[in-house]
Amino acid sequence: MKIYVAGKYGNHLPSVYRLDNVMKAIETGRQLILKGHNPFIPHLTHFIHEGWDTDIGEKWYELDLEWLKCCDAIFMLDNWEDSKGAKLEYQKAIDLEIQIYYRMEDVPNGSSL
């Protein structure tokens, strides 16, 4: 299954806090891989955002929502309710009628490694 990982990034936060959120998303992606799935981790755009002096504003949300359309499910990280972007992703998942997961133990096993 292609599973989108959604959670707080924090455009307004200092880089060190954003990176902490990125690492939490990466760890979730690793767990999904081990369960046999193909995660999409939008937090990885941190490495595009970091040090880029161009403000593309709402374009970040547009990019993320386009990728969500390609996924079979979404995994909501614990901090998702504190994030404007994750709330948009959650609503889009509802609109797309894709499966929503909140706990790793609820994600079924996919193809083995």
PDB file of N, CA and C in Angstrom:
ATOM      1  N   MET A   1       0.838  -1.169   0.000  1.00  0.00           N
ATOM      2  CA  MET A   1       0.000   0.000   0.000  1.00  0.00           C
ATOM      3  C   MET A   1       0.895   1.248   0.000  1.00  0.00           C
ATOM      4  N   LYS A   2       0.488   2.273  -0.714  1.00  0.00           N
ATOM      5  CA  LYS A   2       1.163   3.565  -0.675  1.00  0.00           C
ATOM      6  C   LYS A   2       0.522   4.363   0.465  1.00  0.00           C
ATOM      7  N   ILE A   3       1.318   4.691   1.473  1.00  0.00           N
ATOM      8  CA  ILE A   3       0.792   5.363   2.660  1.00  0.00           C
ATOM      9  C   ILE A   3       1.486   6.705   2.853  1.00  0.00           C
ATOM     10  N   TYR A   4       0.685   7.744   2.884  1.00  0.00           N
ATOM     11  CA  TYR A   4       1.130   9.122   3.081  1.00  0.00           C
ATOM     12  C   TYR A   4       1.306   9.365   4.582  1.00  0.00           C
ATOM     13  N   VAL A   5       2.426   9.913   4.991  1.00  0.00           N
ATOM     14  CA  VAL A   5       2.697  10.195   6.396  1.00  0.00           C
ATOM     15  C   VAL A   5       2.419  11.676   6.649  1.00  0.00           C
ATOM     16  N   ALA A   6       1.428  11.948   7.516  1.00  0.00           N
ATOM     17  CA  ALA A   6       1.010  13.335   7.776  1.00  0.00           C
ATOM     18  C   ALA A   6       1.256  13.710   9.232  1.00  0.00           C
ATOM     19  N   GLY A   7       1.819  14.884   9.432  1.00  0.00           N
ATOM     20  CA  GLY A   7       2.052  15.382  10.782  1.00  0.00           C
ATOM     21  C   GLY A   7       2.629  16.778  10.726  1.00  0.00           C
ATOM     22  N   LYS A   8       2.861  17.325  11.879  1.00  0.00           N
ATOM     23  CA  LYS A   8       3.372  18.689  11.998  1.00  0.00           C
ATOM     24  C   LYS A   8       4.768  18.800  11.385  1.00  0.00           C
ATOM     25  N   TYR A   9       4.955  19.850  10.621  1.00  0.00           N
ATOM     26  CA  TYR A   9       6.293  20.206  10.129  1.00  0.00           C
ATOM     27  C   TYR A   9       6.734  21.470  10.851  1.00  0.00           C
ATOM     28  N   GLY A  10       6.012  22.557  10.688  1.00  0.00           N
ATOM     29  CA  GLY A  10       6.299  23.773  11.437  1.00  0.00           C
ATOM     30  C   GLY A  10       7.111  24.803  10.680  1.00  0.00           C
ATOM     31  N   ASN A  11       6.562  25.303   9.575  1.00  0.00           N
ATOM     32  CA  ASN A  11       7.263  26.339   8.787  1.00  0.00           C
ATOM     33  C   ASN A  11       7.745  27.495   9.649  1.00  0.00           C
ATOM     34  N   HIS A  12       6.976  27.840  10.666  1.00  0.00           N
ATOM     35  CA  HIS A  12       7.272  28.991  11.518  1.00  0.00           C
ATOM     36  C   HIS A  12       8.275  28.674  12.624  1.00  0.00           C
ATOM     37  N   LEU A  13       8.616  27.416  12.805  1.00  0.00           N
ATOM     38  CA  LEU A  13       9.521  27.001  13.873  1.00  0.00           C
ATOM     39  C   LEU A  13      10.980  27.120  13.447  1.00  0.00           C
ATOM     40  N   PRO A  14      11.890  27.261  14.414  1.00  0.00           N
ATOM     41  CA  PRO A  14      13.320  27.212  14.084  1.00  0.00           C
ATOM     42  C   PRO A  14      13.669  25.865  13.443  1.00  0.00           C
ATOM     43  N   SER A  15      14.689  25.860  12.643  1.00  0.00           N
ATOM     44  CA  SER A  15      15.088  24.687  11.866  1.00  0.00           C
ATOM     45  C   SER A  15      15.258  23.432  12.715  1.00  0.00           C
ATOM     46  N   VAL A  16      15.823  23.556  13.898  1.00  0.00           N
ATOM     47  CA  VAL A  16      16.075  22.388  14.741  1.00  0.00           C
ATOM     48  C   VAL A  16      14.764  21.695  15.118  1.00  0.00           C
ATOM     49  N   TYR A  17      13.700  22.443  15.344  1.00  0.00           N
ATOM     50  CA  TYR A  17      12.408  21.853  15.689  1.00  0.00           C
ATOM     51  C   TYR A  17      11.747  21.226  14.456  1.00  0.00           C
ATOM     52  N   ARG A  18      11.902  21.883  13.315  1.00  0.00           N
ATOM     53  CA  ARG A  18      11.379  21.295  12.082  1.00  0.00           C
ATOM     54  C   ARG A  18      12.076  19.971  11.797  1.00  0.00           C
ATOM     55  N   LEU A  19      13.388  19.952  11.980  1.00  0.00           N
ATOM     56  CA  LEU A  19      14.146  18.730  11.726  1.00  0.00           C
ATOM     57  C   LEU A  19      13.701  17.606  12.660  1.00  0.00           C
ATOM     58  N   ASP A  20      13.367  17.927  13.896  1.00  0.00           N
ATOM     59  CA  ASP A  20      12.854  16.920  14.824  1.00  0.00           C
ATOM     60  C   ASP A  20      11.562  16.313  14.281  1.00  0.00           C
ATOM     61  N   ASN A  21      10.678  17.140  13.737  1.00  0.00           N
ATOM     62  CA  ASN A  21       9.433  16.640  13.143  1.00  0.00           C
ATOM     63  C   ASN A  21       9.712  15.790  11.904  1.00  0.00           C
ATOM     64  N   VAL A  22      10.707  16.181  11.125  1.00  0.00           N
ATOM     65  CA  VAL A  22      11.106  15.403   9.952  1.00  0.00           C
ATOM     66  C   VAL A  22      11.577  14.014  10.382  1.00  0.00           C
ATOM     67  N   MET A  23      12.382  13.972  11.423  1.00  0.00           N
ATOM     68  CA  MET A  23      12.910  12.684  11.885  1.00  0.00           C
ATOM     69  C   MET A  23      11.800  11.771  12.411  1.00  0.00           C
ATOM     70  N   LYS A  24      10.788  12.330  13.055  1.00  0.00           N
ATOM     71  CA  LYS A  24       9.646  11.530  13.516  1.00  0.00           C
ATOM     72  C   LYS A  24       8.906  10.934  12.316  1.00  0.00           C
ATOM     73  N   ALA A  25       8.741  11.716  11.265  1.00  0.00           N
ATOM     74  CA  ALA A  25       8.069  11.225  10.058  1.00  0.00           C
ATOM     75  C   ALA A  25       8.907  10.145   9.374  1.00  0.00           C
ATOM     76  N   ILE A  26      10.220  10.345   9.334  1.00  0.00           N
ATOM     77  CA  ILE A  26      11.109   9.349   8.732  1.00  0.00           C
ATOM     78  C   ILE A  26      11.018   8.032   9.500  1.00  0.00           C
ATOM     79  N   GLU A  27      11.024   8.089  10.818  1.00  0.00           N
ATOM     80  CA  GLU A  27      10.936   6.857  11.622  1.00  0.00           C
ATOM     81  C   GLU A  27       9.622   6.127  11.349  1.00  0.00           C
ATOM     82  N   THR A  28       8.542   6.874  11.208  1.00  0.00           N
ATOM     83  CA  THR A  28       7.262   6.251  10.871  1.00  0.00           C
ATOM     84  C   THR A  28       7.340   5.607   9.492  1.00  0.00           C
ATOM     85  N   GLY A  29       7.953   6.291   8.543  1.00  0.00           N
ATOM     86  CA  GLY A  29       8.142   5.720   7.212  1.00  0.00           C
ATOM     87  C   GLY A  29       8.935   4.424   7.262  1.00  0.00           C
ATOM     88  N   ARG A  30       9.960   4.383   8.086  1.00  0.00           N
ATOM     89  CA  ARG A  30      10.760   3.157   8.235  1.00  0.00           C
ATOM     90  C   ARG A  30       9.896   2.010   8.754  1.00  0.00           C
ATOM     91  N   GLN A  31       9.073   2.307   9.739  1.00  0.00           N
ATOM     92  CA  GLN A  31       8.189   1.273  10.294  1.00  0.00           C
ATOM     93  C   GLN A  31       7.210   0.768   9.236  1.00  0.00           C
ATOM     94  N   LEU A  32       6.704   1.682   8.414  1.00  0.00           N
ATOM     95  CA  LEU A  32       5.783   1.284   7.347  1.00  0.00           C
ATOM     96  C   LEU A  32       6.475   0.408   6.309  1.00  0.00           C
ATOM     97  N   ILE A  33       7.715   0.725   6.001  1.00  0.00           N
ATOM     98  CA  ILE A  33       8.492  -0.102   5.075  1.00  0.00           C
ATOM     99  C   ILE A  33       8.649  -1.511   5.639  1.00  0.00           C
ATOM    100  N   LEU A  34       8.980  -1.598   6.920  1.00  0.00           N
ATOM    101  CA  LEU A  34       9.155  -2.901   7.549  1.00  0.00           C
ATOM    102  C   LEU A  34       7.851  -3.697   7.582  1.00  0.00           C
ATOM    103  N   LYS A  35       6.724  -3.001   7.562  1.00  0.00           N
ATOM    104  CA  LYS A  35       5.430  -3.689   7.513  1.00  0.00           C
ATOM    105  C   LYS A  35       5.046  -4.056   6.080  1.00  0.00           C
ATOM    106  N   GLY A  36       5.892  -3.681   5.102  1.00  0.00           N
ATOM    107  CA  GLY A  36       5.658  -4.066   3.718  1.00  0.00           C
ATOM    108  C   GLY A  36       4.957  -3.019   2.872  1.00  0.00           C
ATOM    109  N   HIS A  37       5.010  -1.755   3.302  1.00  0.00           N
ATOM    110  CA  HIS A  37       4.320  -0.695   2.577  1.00  0.00           C
ATOM    111  C   HIS A  37       5.307   0.276   1.934  1.00  0.00           C
ATOM    112  N   ASN A  38       4.764   1.187   1.141  1.00  0.00           N
ATOM    113  CA  ASN A  38       5.549   2.203   0.431  1.00  0.00           C
ATOM    114  C   ASN A  38       5.130   3.580   0.942  1.00  0.00           C
ATOM    115  N   PRO A  39       5.882   4.114   1.912  1.00  0.00           N
ATOM    116  CA  PRO A  39       5.486   5.403   2.474  1.00  0.00           C
ATOM    117  C   PRO A  39       5.872   6.577   1.585  1.00  0.00           C
ATOM    118  N   PHE A  40       5.044   7.606   1.632  1.00  0.00           N
ATOM    119  CA  PHE A  40       5.396   8.903   1.057  1.00  0.00           C
ATOM    120  C   PHE A  40       5.519   9.847   2.239  1.00  0.00           C
ATOM    121  N   ILE A  41       6.682  10.488   2.377  1.00  0.00           N
ATOM    122  CA  ILE A  41       6.969  11.337   3.533  1.00  0.00           C
ATOM    123  C   ILE A  41       7.154  12.777   3.059  1.00  0.00           C
ATOM    124  N   PRO A  42       6.087  13.581   3.085  1.00  0.00           N
ATOM    125  CA  PRO A  42       6.204  14.960   2.606  1.00  0.00           C
ATOM    126  C   PRO A  42       7.171  15.806   3.428  1.00  0.00           C
ATOM    127  N   HIS A  43       7.460  15.392   4.646  1.00  0.00           N
ATOM    128  CA  HIS A  43       8.414  16.115   5.494  1.00  0.00           C
ATOM    129  C   HIS A  43       9.796  16.195   4.847  1.00  0.00           C
ATOM    130  N   LEU A  44      10.070  15.300   3.913  1.00  0.00           N
ATOM    131  CA  LEU A  44      11.381  15.309   3.269  1.00  0.00           C
ATOM    132  C   LEU A  44      11.595  16.547   2.405  1.00  0.00           C
ATOM    133  N   THR A  45      10.520  17.267   2.108  1.00  0.00           N
ATOM    134  CA  THR A  45      10.704  18.535   1.388  1.00  0.00           C
ATOM    135  C   THR A  45      11.392  19.568   2.282  1.00  0.00           C
ATOM    136  N   HIS A  46      11.588  19.214   3.541  1.00  0.00           N
ATOM    137  CA  HIS A  46      12.396  20.054   4.450  1.00  0.00           C
ATOM    138  C   HIS A  46      13.736  20.380   3.803  1.00  0.00           C
ATOM    139  N   PHE A  47      14.280  19.395   3.085  1.00  0.00           N
ATOM    140  CA  PHE A  47      15.597  19.581   2.497  1.00  0.00           C
ATOM    141  C   PHE A  47      15.565  20.457   1.244  1.00  0.00           C
ATOM    142  N   ILE A  48      14.391  20.735   0.738  1.00  0.00           N
ATOM    143  CA  ILE A  48      14.216  21.749  -0.304  1.00  0.00           C
ATOM    144  C   ILE A  48      14.014  23.102   0.369  1.00  0.00           C
ATOM    145  N   HIS A  49      13.181  23.108   1.399  1.00  0.00           N
ATOM    146  CA  HIS A  49      12.802  24.330   2.110  1.00  0.00           C
ATOM    147  C   HIS A  49      13.987  24.968   2.839  1.00  0.00           C
ATOM    148  N   GLU A  50      14.784  24.144   3.503  1.00  0.00           N
ATOM    149  CA  GLU A  50      15.881  24.627   4.338  1.00  0.00           C
ATOM    150  C   GLU A  50      16.906  25.403   3.513  1.00  0.00           C
ATOM    151  N   GLY A  51      17.146  26.632   3.919  1.00  0.00           N
ATOM    152  CA  GLY A  51      18.146  27.459   3.257  1.00  0.00           C
ATOM    153  C   GLY A  51      17.690  28.096   1.958  1.00  0.00           C
ATOM    154  N   TRP A  52      16.447  27.885   1.570  1.00  0.00           N
ATOM    155  CA  TRP A  52      15.914  28.476   0.338  1.00  0.00           C
ATOM    156  C   TRP A  52      15.280  29.804   0.703  1.00  0.00           C
ATOM    157  N   ASP A  53      15.742  30.852   0.092  1.00  0.00           N
ATOM    158  CA  ASP A  53      15.246  32.173   0.466  1.00  0.00           C
ATOM    159  C   ASP A  53      14.003  32.592  -0.316  1.00  0.00           C
ATOM    160  N   THR A  54      13.427  31.680  -1.066  1.00  0.00           N
ATOM    161  CA  THR A  54      12.203  31.964  -1.808  1.00  0.00           C
ATOM    162  C   THR A  54      11.010  31.466  -1.005  1.00  0.00           C
ATOM    163  N   ASP A  55      10.054  32.356  -0.782  1.00  0.00           N
ATOM    164  CA  ASP A  55       8.850  31.984  -0.039  1.00  0.00           C
ATOM    165  C   ASP A  55       7.775  31.577  -1.040  1.00  0.00           C
ATOM    166  N   ILE A  56       7.440  30.280  -1.058  1.00  0.00           N
ATOM    167  CA  ILE A  56       6.397  29.833  -1.977  1.00  0.00           C
ATOM    168  C   ILE A  56       5.054  29.671  -1.260  1.00  0.00           C
ATOM    169  N   GLY A  57       5.006  30.029   0.014  1.00  0.00           N
ATOM    170  CA  GLY A  57       3.757  30.096   0.770  1.00  0.00           C
ATOM    171  C   GLY A  57       2.893  28.854   0.691  1.00  0.00           C
ATOM    172  N   GLU A  58       1.670  29.047   0.226  1.00  0.00           N
ATOM    173  CA  GLU A  58       0.663  27.978   0.176  1.00  0.00           C
ATOM    174  C   GLU A  58       0.994  26.890  -0.843  1.00  0.00           C
ATOM    175  N   LYS A  59       1.964  27.123  -1.696  1.00  0.00           N
ATOM    176  CA  LYS A  59       2.360  26.127  -2.700  1.00  0.00           C
ATOM    177  C   LYS A  59       2.779  24.815  -2.037  1.00  0.00           C
ATOM    178  N   TRP A  60       3.352  24.887  -0.825  1.00  0.00           N
ATOM    179  CA  TRP A  60       3.738  23.668  -0.118  1.00  0.00           C
ATOM    180  C   TRP A  60       2.524  22.757   0.083  1.00  0.00           C
ATOM    181  N   TYR A  61       1.405  23.356   0.494  1.00  0.00           N
ATOM    182  CA  TYR A  61       0.192  22.569   0.719  1.00  0.00           C
ATOM    183  C   TYR A  61      -0.312  21.956  -0.589  1.00  0.00           C
ATOM    184  N   GLU A  62      -0.254  22.739  -1.642  1.00  0.00           N
ATOM    185  CA  GLU A  62      -0.690  22.251  -2.952  1.00  0.00           C
ATOM    186  C   GLU A  62       0.144  21.043  -3.389  1.00  0.00           C
ATOM    187  N   LEU A  63       1.446  21.137  -3.211  1.00  0.00           N
ATOM    188  CA  LEU A  63       2.334  20.020  -3.572  1.00  0.00           C
ATOM    189  C   LEU A  63       1.972  18.766  -2.787  1.00  0.00           C
ATOM    190  N   ASP A  64       1.800  18.926  -1.485  1.00  0.00           N
ATOM    191  CA  ASP A  64       1.493  17.777  -0.631  1.00  0.00           C
ATOM    192  C   ASP A  64       0.162  17.132  -1.002  1.00  0.00           C
ATOM    193  N   LEU A  65      -0.844  17.950  -1.235  1.00  0.00           N
ATOM    194  CA  LEU A  65      -2.172  17.405  -1.537  1.00  0.00           C
ATOM    195  C   LEU A  65      -2.197  16.678  -2.879  1.00  0.00           C
ATOM    196  N   GLU A  66      -1.363  17.102  -3.811  1.00  0.00           N
ATOM    197  CA  GLU A  66      -1.258  16.377  -5.086  1.00  0.00           C
ATOM    198  C   GLU A  66      -0.714  14.971  -4.862  1.00  0.00           C
ATOM    199  N   TRP A  67       0.294  14.847  -4.012  1.00  0.00           N
ATOM    200  CA  TRP A  67       0.873  13.529  -3.741  1.00  0.00           C
ATOM    201  C   TRP A  67      -0.094  12.655  -2.960  1.00  0.00           C
ATOM    202  N   LEU A  68      -0.877  13.257  -2.085  1.00  0.00           N
ATOM    203  CA  LEU A  68      -1.853  12.481  -1.318  1.00  0.00           C
ATOM    204  C   LEU A  68      -2.841  11.767  -2.243  1.00  0.00           C
ATOM    205  N   LYS A  69      -3.175  12.392  -3.358  1.00  0.00           N
ATOM    206  CA  LYS A  69      -4.101  11.788  -4.322  1.00  0.00           C
ATOM    207  C   LYS A  69      -3.580  10.461  -4.869  1.00  0.00           C
ATOM    208  N   CYS A  70      -2.275  10.255  -4.827  1.00  0.00           N
ATOM    209  CA  CYS A  70      -1.659   9.042  -5.358  1.00  0.00           C
ATOM    210  C   CYS A  70      -1.610   7.908  -4.338  1.00  0.00           C
ATOM    211  N   CYS A  71      -2.008   8.183  -3.112  1.00  0.00           N
ATOM    212  CA  CYS A  71      -1.838   7.212  -2.037  1.00  0.00           C
ATOM    213  C   CYS A  71      -3.123   6.442  -1.740  1.00  0.00           C
ATOM    214  N   ASP A  72      -2.939   5.271  -1.138  1.00  0.00           N
ATOM    215  CA  ASP A  72      -4.045   4.404  -0.759  1.00  0.00           C
ATOM    216  C   ASP A  72      -4.534   4.678   0.655  1.00  0.00           C
ATOM    217  N   ALA A  73      -3.663   5.272   1.461  1.00  0.00           N
ATOM    218  CA  ALA A  73      -3.979   5.512   2.867  1.00  0.00           C
ATOM    219  C   ALA A  73      -3.137   6.673   3.376  1.00  0.00           C
ATOM    220  N   ILE A  74      -3.504   7.141   4.557  1.00  0.00           N
ATOM    221  CA  ILE A  74      -2.748   8.197   5.223  1.00  0.00           C
ATOM    222  C   ILE A  74      -2.504   7.761   6.658  1.00  0.00           C
ATOM    223  N   PHE A  75      -1.312   8.037   7.162  1.00  0.00           N
ATOM    224  CA  PHE A  75      -0.976   7.759   8.556  1.00  0.00           C
ATOM    225  C   PHE A  75      -0.804   9.098   9.251  1.00  0.00           C
ATOM    226  N   MET A  76      -1.608   9.328  10.281  1.00  0.00           N
ATOM    227  CA  MET A  76      -1.582  10.590  11.006  1.00  0.00           C
ATOM    228  C   MET A  76      -0.644  10.470  12.210  1.00  0.00           C
ATOM    229  N   LEU A  77       0.431  11.246  12.215  1.00  0.00           N
ATOM    230  CA  LEU A  77       1.348  11.271  13.352  1.00  0.00           C
ATOM    231  C   LEU A  77       0.666  11.896  14.570  1.00  0.00           C
ATOM    232  N   ASP A  78       1.192  11.622  15.743  1.00  0.00           N
ATOM    233  CA  ASP A  78       0.571  12.094  16.979  1.00  0.00           C
ATOM    234  C   ASP A  78       0.306  13.602  17.012  1.00  0.00           C
ATOM    235  N   ASN A  79       1.155  14.383  16.388  1.00  0.00           N
ATOM    236  CA  ASN A  79       1.051  15.844  16.476  1.00  0.00           C
ATOM    237  C   ASN A  79       0.251  16.478  15.333  1.00  0.00           C
ATOM    238  N   TRP A  80      -0.492  15.696  14.594  1.00  0.00           N
ATOM    239  CA  TRP A  80      -1.148  16.204  13.379  1.00  0.00           C
ATOM    240  C   TRP A  80      -2.161  17.298  13.662  1.00  0.00           C
ATOM    241  N   GLU A  81      -2.823  17.244  14.799  1.00  0.00           N
ATOM    242  CA  GLU A  81      -3.864  18.233  15.088  1.00  0.00           C
ATOM    243  C   GLU A  81      -3.298  19.627  15.382  1.00  0.00           C
ATOM    244  N   ASP A  82      -1.979  19.720  15.562  1.00  0.00           N
ATOM    245  CA  ASP A  82      -1.317  21.008  15.784  1.00  0.00           C
ATOM    246  C   ASP A  82      -0.809  21.620  14.483  1.00  0.00           C
ATOM    247  N   SER A  83      -1.197  21.047  13.360  1.00  0.00           N
ATOM    248  CA  SER A  83      -0.634  21.444  12.076  1.00  0.00           C
ATOM    249  C   SER A  83      -1.717  21.833  11.079  1.00  0.00           C
ATOM    250  N   LYS A  84      -1.589  23.028  10.534  1.00  0.00           N
ATOM    251  CA  LYS A  84      -2.530  23.463   9.495  1.00  0.00           C
ATOM    252  C   LYS A  84      -2.462  22.515   8.297  1.00  0.00           C
ATOM    253  N   GLY A  85      -1.248  22.183   7.869  1.00  0.00           N
ATOM    254  CA  GLY A  85      -1.082  21.313   6.709  1.00  0.00           C
ATOM    255  C   GLY A  85      -1.641  19.917   6.936  1.00  0.00           C
ATOM    256  N   ALA A  86      -1.367  19.332   8.094  1.00  0.00           N
ATOM    257  CA  ALA A  86      -1.862  17.981   8.374  1.00  0.00           C
ATOM    258  C   ALA A  86      -3.382  17.967   8.474  1.00  0.00           C
ATOM    259  N   LYS A  87      -3.966  19.044   8.979  1.00  0.00           N
ATOM    260  CA  LYS A  87      -5.436  19.110   9.023  1.00  0.00           C
ATOM    261  C   LYS A  87      -6.012  19.176   7.613  1.00  0.00           C
ATOM    262  N   LEU A  88      -5.333  19.889   6.710  1.00  0.00           N
ATOM    263  CA  LEU A  88      -5.759  19.918   5.305  1.00  0.00           C
ATOM    264  C   LEU A  88      -5.628  18.531   4.681  1.00  0.00           C
ATOM    265  N   GLU A  89      -4.534  17.845   4.991  1.00  0.00           N
ATOM    266  CA  GLU A  89      -4.302  16.505   4.456  1.00  0.00           C
ATOM    267  C   GLU A  89      -5.353  15.526   4.979  1.00  0.00           C
ATOM    268  N   TYR A  90      -5.679  15.638   6.247  1.00  0.00           N
ATOM    269  CA  TYR A  90      -6.709  14.788   6.853  1.00  0.00           C
ATOM    270  C   TYR A  90      -8.051  14.979   6.148  1.00  0.00           C
ATOM    271  N   GLN A  91      -8.426  16.241   5.938  1.00  0.00           N
ATOM    272  CA  GLN A  91      -9.694  16.516   5.263  1.00  0.00           C
ATOM    273  C   GLN A  91      -9.687  16.006   3.829  1.00  0.00           C
ATOM    274  N   LYS A  92      -8.550  16.148   3.152  1.00  0.00           N
ATOM    275  CA  LYS A  92      -8.437  15.652   1.781  1.00  0.00           C
ATOM    276  C   LYS A  92      -8.548  14.128   1.750  1.00  0.00           C
ATOM    277  N   ALA A  93      -7.976  13.462   2.744  1.00  0.00           N
ATOM    278  CA  ALA A  93      -8.086  12.002   2.828  1.00  0.00           C
ATOM    279  C   ALA A  93      -9.545  11.587   2.991  1.00  0.00           C
ATOM    280  N   ILE A  94     -10.283  12.335   3.789  1.00  0.00           N
ATOM    281  CA  ILE A  94     -11.714  12.061   3.945  1.00  0.00           C
ATOM    282  C   ILE A  94     -12.420  12.255   2.606  1.00  0.00           C
ATOM    283  N   ASP A  95     -12.118  13.360   1.938  1.00  0.00           N
ATOM    284  CA  ASP A  95     -12.742  13.648   0.646  1.00  0.00           C
ATOM    285  C   ASP A  95     -12.427  12.559  -0.388  1.00  0.00           C
ATOM    286  N   LEU A  96     -11.200  12.051  -0.351  1.00  0.00           N
ATOM    287  CA  LEU A  96     -10.764  11.011  -1.294  1.00  0.00           C
ATOM    288  C   LEU A  96     -11.233   9.612  -0.870  1.00  0.00           C
ATOM    289  N   GLU A  97     -11.767   9.541   0.329  1.00  0.00           N
ATOM    290  CA  GLU A  97     -12.236   8.271   0.892  1.00  0.00           C
ATOM    291  C   GLU A  97     -11.127   7.228   0.958  1.00  0.00           C
ATOM    292  N   ILE A  98      -9.950   7.682   1.394  1.00  0.00           N
ATOM    293  CA  ILE A  98      -8.852   6.733   1.598  1.00  0.00           C
ATOM    294  C   ILE A  98      -8.767   6.387   3.080  1.00  0.00           C
ATOM    295  N   GLN A  99      -8.177   5.246   3.341  1.00  0.00           N
ATOM    296  CA  GLN A  99      -8.038   4.740   4.712  1.00  0.00           C
ATOM    297  C   GLN A  99      -7.188   5.692   5.543  1.00  0.00           C
ATOM    298  N   ILE A 100      -7.596   5.914   6.787  1.00  0.00           N
ATOM    299  CA  ILE A 100      -6.849   6.769   7.706  1.00  0.00           C
ATOM    300  C   ILE A 100      -6.387   5.911   8.883  1.00  0.00           C
ATOM    301  N   TYR A 101      -5.075   5.957   9.154  1.00  0.00           N
ATOM    302  CA  TYR A 101      -4.493   5.237  10.286  1.00  0.00           C
ATOM    303  C   TYR A 101      -3.916   6.233  11.282  1.00  0.00           C
ATOM    304  N   TYR A 102      -4.030   5.880  12.571  1.00  0.00           N
ATOM    305  CA  TYR A 102      -3.503   6.705  13.650  1.00  0.00           C
ATOM    306  C   TYR A 102      -2.470   5.952  14.484  1.00  0.00           C
ATOM    307  N   ARG A 103      -2.486   4.619  14.405  1.00  0.00           N
ATOM    308  CA  ARG A 103      -1.588   3.786  15.205  1.00  0.00           C
ATOM    309  C   ARG A 103      -0.961   2.725  14.309  1.00  0.00           C
ATOM    310  N   MET A 104       0.334   2.514  14.492  1.00  0.00           N
ATOM    311  CA  MET A 104       1.045   1.559  13.643  1.00  0.00           C
ATOM    312  C   MET A 104       0.454   0.158  13.766  1.00  0.00           C
ATOM    313  N   GLU A 105      -0.014  -0.204  14.940  1.00  0.00           N
ATOM    314  CA  GLU A 105      -0.549  -1.561  15.111  1.00  0.00           C
ATOM    315  C   GLU A 105      -1.847  -1.767  14.326  1.00  0.00           C
ATOM    316  N   ASP A 106      -2.483  -0.691  13.888  1.00  0.00           N
ATOM    317  CA  ASP A 106      -3.693  -0.814  13.074  1.00  0.00           C
ATOM    318  C   ASP A 106      -3.405  -0.971  11.580  1.00  0.00           C
ATOM    319  N   VAL A 107      -2.179  -0.701  11.185  1.00  0.00           N
ATOM    320  CA  VAL A 107      -1.798  -0.831   9.772  1.00  0.00           C
ATOM    321  C   VAL A 107      -1.563  -2.312   9.481  1.00  0.00           C
ATOM    322  N   PRO A 108      -2.296  -2.873   8.528  1.00  0.00           N
ATOM    323  CA  PRO A 108      -2.080  -4.303   8.226  1.00  0.00           C
ATOM    324  C   PRO A 108      -0.724  -4.519   7.583  1.00  0.00           C
ATOM    325  N   ASN A 109      -0.234  -5.727   7.685  1.00  0.00           N
ATOM    326  CA  ASN A 109       1.021  -6.070   7.019  1.00  0.00           C
ATOM    327  C   ASN A 109       0.776  -6.101   5.516  1.00  0.00           C
ATOM    328  N   GLY A 110       1.759  -5.618   4.787  1.00  0.00           N
ATOM    329  CA  GLY A 110       1.698  -5.652   3.330  1.00  0.00           C
ATOM    330  C   GLY A 110       2.644  -6.709   2.805  1.00  0.00           C
ATOM    331  N   SER A 111       3.242  -6.444   1.674  1.00  0.00           N
ATOM    332  CA  SER A 111       4.208  -7.371   1.079  1.00  0.00           C
ATOM    333  C   SER A 111       5.449  -7.442   1.966  1.00  0.00           C
ATOM    334  N   SER A 112       5.971  -8.619   2.136  1.00  0.00           N
ATOM    335  CA  SER A 112       7.172  -8.767   2.967  1.00  0.00           C
ATOM    336  C   SER A 112       8.393  -8.312   2.181  1.00  0.00           C
ATOM    337  N   LEU A 113       9.441  -8.019   2.936  1.00  0.00           N
ATOM    338  CA  LEU A 113      10.701  -7.548   2.331  1.00  0.00           C
ATOM    339  C   LEU A 113      11.400  -8.649   1.572  1.00  0.00           C
TER     340      LEU A 113
END
